[in-house]
């Protein structure tokens, strides 16, 4: 399997892959990507409740 050099990923013990993406997109594109990932059951990062309380739930 080949990958673009800018794509960072690692394989998880259960055979799935975790990937890190950086993209600048419009809100419509973001909602579209979110919808596609939701169809595949993609998981978000673990949530840190203390950090969310400090910044109002917005990501840094």
N, C-alpha and C. Protein backbone atom coordinates (compact mmCIF):
# COMPACT_ATOMS: atom_id res chain seq x y z
N UNK A 1 0.84 -1.18 0.00
CA UNK A 1 0.00 0.00 0.00
C UNK A 1 0.88 1.24 0.00
N UNK A 2 0.65 2.12 -0.94
CA UNK A 2 1.42 3.37 -0.95
C UNK A 2 0.55 4.48 -0.39
N UNK A 3 1.19 5.51 0.10
CA UNK A 3 0.45 6.62 0.67
C UNK A 3 1.14 7.92 0.30
N UNK A 4 0.38 9.01 0.22
CA UNK A 4 1.01 10.32 0.00
C UNK A 4 1.90 10.65 1.20
N UNK A 5 2.99 11.34 0.99
CA UNK A 5 3.89 11.64 2.11
C UNK A 5 3.26 12.50 3.19
N UNK A 6 2.23 13.31 2.86
CA UNK A 6 1.63 14.19 3.84
C UNK A 6 0.57 13.51 4.70
N UNK A 7 0.21 12.26 4.36
CA UNK A 7 -0.81 11.53 5.12
C UNK A 7 -0.14 10.72 6.22
N UNK A 8 -0.52 10.98 7.45
CA UNK A 8 0.05 10.26 8.59
C UNK A 8 -1.00 9.29 9.11
N UNK A 9 -0.60 8.05 9.31
CA UNK A 9 -1.53 7.05 9.82
C UNK A 9 -0.78 5.98 10.58
N UNK A 10 -1.54 5.19 11.32
CA UNK A 10 -0.98 4.01 11.98
C UNK A 10 -2.07 2.95 12.04
N UNK A 11 -1.63 1.70 12.01
CA UNK A 11 -2.59 0.61 12.09
C UNK A 11 -2.85 0.28 13.56
N UNK A 12 -4.11 0.10 13.90
CA UNK A 12 -4.51 -0.24 15.25
C UNK A 12 -4.45 -1.76 15.43
N UNK A 13 -4.36 -2.22 16.67
CA UNK A 13 -4.27 -3.66 16.92
C UNK A 13 -5.42 -4.47 16.31
N UNK A 14 -6.60 -3.85 16.16
CA UNK A 14 -7.75 -4.58 15.62
C UNK A 14 -7.80 -4.55 14.08
N UNK A 15 -6.75 -4.01 13.44
CA UNK A 15 -6.67 -4.02 11.98
C UNK A 15 -7.16 -2.74 11.31
N UNK A 16 -7.86 -1.87 12.06
CA UNK A 16 -8.30 -0.60 11.49
C UNK A 16 -7.11 0.36 11.44
N UNK A 17 -7.29 1.47 10.73
CA UNK A 17 -6.25 2.48 10.63
C UNK A 17 -6.71 3.77 11.27
N UNK A 18 -5.82 4.44 11.97
CA UNK A 18 -6.06 5.76 12.51
C UNK A 18 -5.27 6.73 11.62
N UNK A 19 -5.95 7.78 11.12
CA UNK A 19 -5.28 8.73 10.24
C UNK A 19 -5.40 10.14 10.81
N UNK A 20 -4.42 10.97 10.50
CA UNK A 20 -4.43 12.37 10.90
C UNK A 20 -4.50 13.20 9.63
N UNK A 21 -5.49 14.06 9.57
CA UNK A 21 -5.69 14.90 8.40
C UNK A 21 -5.61 16.37 8.79
N UNK A 22 -5.08 17.18 7.91
CA UNK A 22 -5.11 18.63 8.08
C UNK A 22 -5.63 19.19 6.77
N UNK A 23 -6.74 19.89 6.83
CA UNK A 23 -7.31 20.45 5.61
C UNK A 23 -8.01 21.76 5.94
N UNK A 24 -8.00 22.67 5.00
CA UNK A 24 -8.74 23.92 5.09
C UNK A 24 -9.90 23.79 4.11
N UNK A 25 -11.13 23.75 4.64
CA UNK A 25 -12.30 23.51 3.81
C UNK A 25 -13.43 24.44 4.22
N UNK A 26 -14.43 24.54 3.34
CA UNK A 26 -15.62 25.31 3.67
C UNK A 26 -16.48 24.52 4.66
N UNK A 27 -17.46 25.19 5.25
CA UNK A 27 -18.34 24.51 6.19
C UNK A 27 -19.13 23.41 5.48
N UNK A 28 -19.56 23.66 4.25
CA UNK A 28 -20.29 22.64 3.50
C UNK A 28 -19.44 21.39 3.28
N UNK A 29 -18.18 21.60 2.93
CA UNK A 29 -17.28 20.46 2.73
C UNK A 29 -17.06 19.71 4.04
N UNK A 30 -16.93 20.44 5.13
CA UNK A 30 -16.74 19.81 6.43
C UNK A 30 -17.95 18.94 6.78
N UNK A 31 -19.15 19.46 6.55
CA UNK A 31 -20.36 18.68 6.83
C UNK A 31 -20.43 17.44 5.93
N UNK A 32 -19.99 17.58 4.69
CA UNK A 32 -19.98 16.43 3.78
C UNK A 32 -19.03 15.35 4.23
N UNK A 33 -17.82 15.76 4.63
CA UNK A 33 -16.83 14.80 5.13
C UNK A 33 -17.35 14.12 6.39
N UNK A 34 -17.94 14.90 7.27
CA UNK A 34 -18.49 14.34 8.51
C UNK A 34 -19.55 13.29 8.19
N UNK A 35 -20.41 13.58 7.22
CA UNK A 35 -21.45 12.64 6.84
C UNK A 35 -20.89 11.34 6.29
N UNK A 36 -19.87 11.44 5.46
CA UNK A 36 -19.25 10.24 4.88
C UNK A 36 -18.59 9.41 5.98
N UNK A 37 -17.85 10.07 6.87
CA UNK A 37 -17.19 9.33 7.95
C UNK A 37 -18.20 8.68 8.87
N UNK A 38 -19.31 9.36 9.11
CA UNK A 38 -20.35 8.79 9.98
C UNK A 38 -20.93 7.52 9.37
N UNK A 39 -21.04 7.48 8.04
CA UNK A 39 -21.56 6.28 7.37
C UNK A 39 -20.66 5.08 7.62
N UNK A 40 -19.37 5.33 7.77
CA UNK A 40 -18.42 4.24 7.98
C UNK A 40 -18.16 3.98 9.46
N UNK A 41 -18.86 4.69 10.33
CA UNK A 41 -18.69 4.47 11.76
C UNK A 41 -17.36 4.98 12.28
N UNK A 42 -16.83 6.00 11.66
CA UNK A 42 -15.55 6.55 12.10
C UNK A 42 -15.69 7.12 13.50
N UNK A 43 -14.64 7.01 14.27
CA UNK A 43 -14.64 7.50 15.65
C UNK A 43 -13.84 8.79 15.73
N UNK A 44 -14.29 9.69 16.60
CA UNK A 44 -13.55 10.90 16.86
C UNK A 44 -12.49 10.65 17.92
N UNK A 45 -11.67 11.64 18.19
CA UNK A 45 -10.67 11.49 19.25
C UNK A 45 -11.35 11.37 20.61
N UNK A 46 -10.68 10.76 21.57
CA UNK A 46 -11.26 10.70 22.92
C UNK A 46 -11.53 12.11 23.42
N UNK A 47 -12.64 12.30 24.07
CA UNK A 47 -13.00 13.64 24.54
C UNK A 47 -12.48 13.87 25.95
N UNK A 48 -11.90 15.05 26.16
CA UNK A 48 -11.40 15.45 27.47
C UNK A 48 -12.40 16.44 28.04
N UNK A 49 -13.22 15.99 28.97
CA UNK A 49 -14.30 16.84 29.49
C UNK A 49 -13.77 18.09 30.17
N UNK A 50 -12.64 18.01 30.86
CA UNK A 50 -12.08 19.18 31.53
C UNK A 50 -11.70 20.25 30.51
N UNK A 51 -11.07 19.84 29.41
CA UNK A 51 -10.66 20.80 28.39
C UNK A 51 -11.87 21.43 27.72
N UNK A 52 -12.91 20.63 27.44
CA UNK A 52 -14.11 21.17 26.82
C UNK A 52 -14.78 22.20 27.71
N UNK A 53 -14.78 21.96 29.01
CA UNK A 53 -15.41 22.91 29.95
C UNK A 53 -14.67 24.24 29.94
N UNK A 54 -13.35 24.18 29.80
CA UNK A 54 -12.54 25.40 29.82
C UNK A 54 -12.75 26.27 28.58
N UNK A 55 -12.88 25.63 27.41
CA UNK A 55 -12.95 26.42 26.19
C UNK A 55 -14.34 26.42 25.55
N UNK A 56 -15.34 26.00 26.28
CA UNK A 56 -16.69 26.03 25.76
C UNK A 56 -17.00 24.94 24.76
N UNK A 57 -16.17 23.88 24.72
CA UNK A 57 -16.41 22.77 23.80
C UNK A 57 -15.81 22.98 22.43
N UNK A 58 -15.08 24.06 22.20
CA UNK A 58 -14.48 24.29 20.90
C UNK A 58 -13.09 23.68 20.87
N UNK A 59 -12.74 23.12 19.72
CA UNK A 59 -11.41 22.53 19.56
C UNK A 59 -10.37 23.63 19.43
N UNK A 60 -9.15 23.33 19.83
CA UNK A 60 -8.06 24.31 19.70
C UNK A 60 -7.53 24.34 18.31
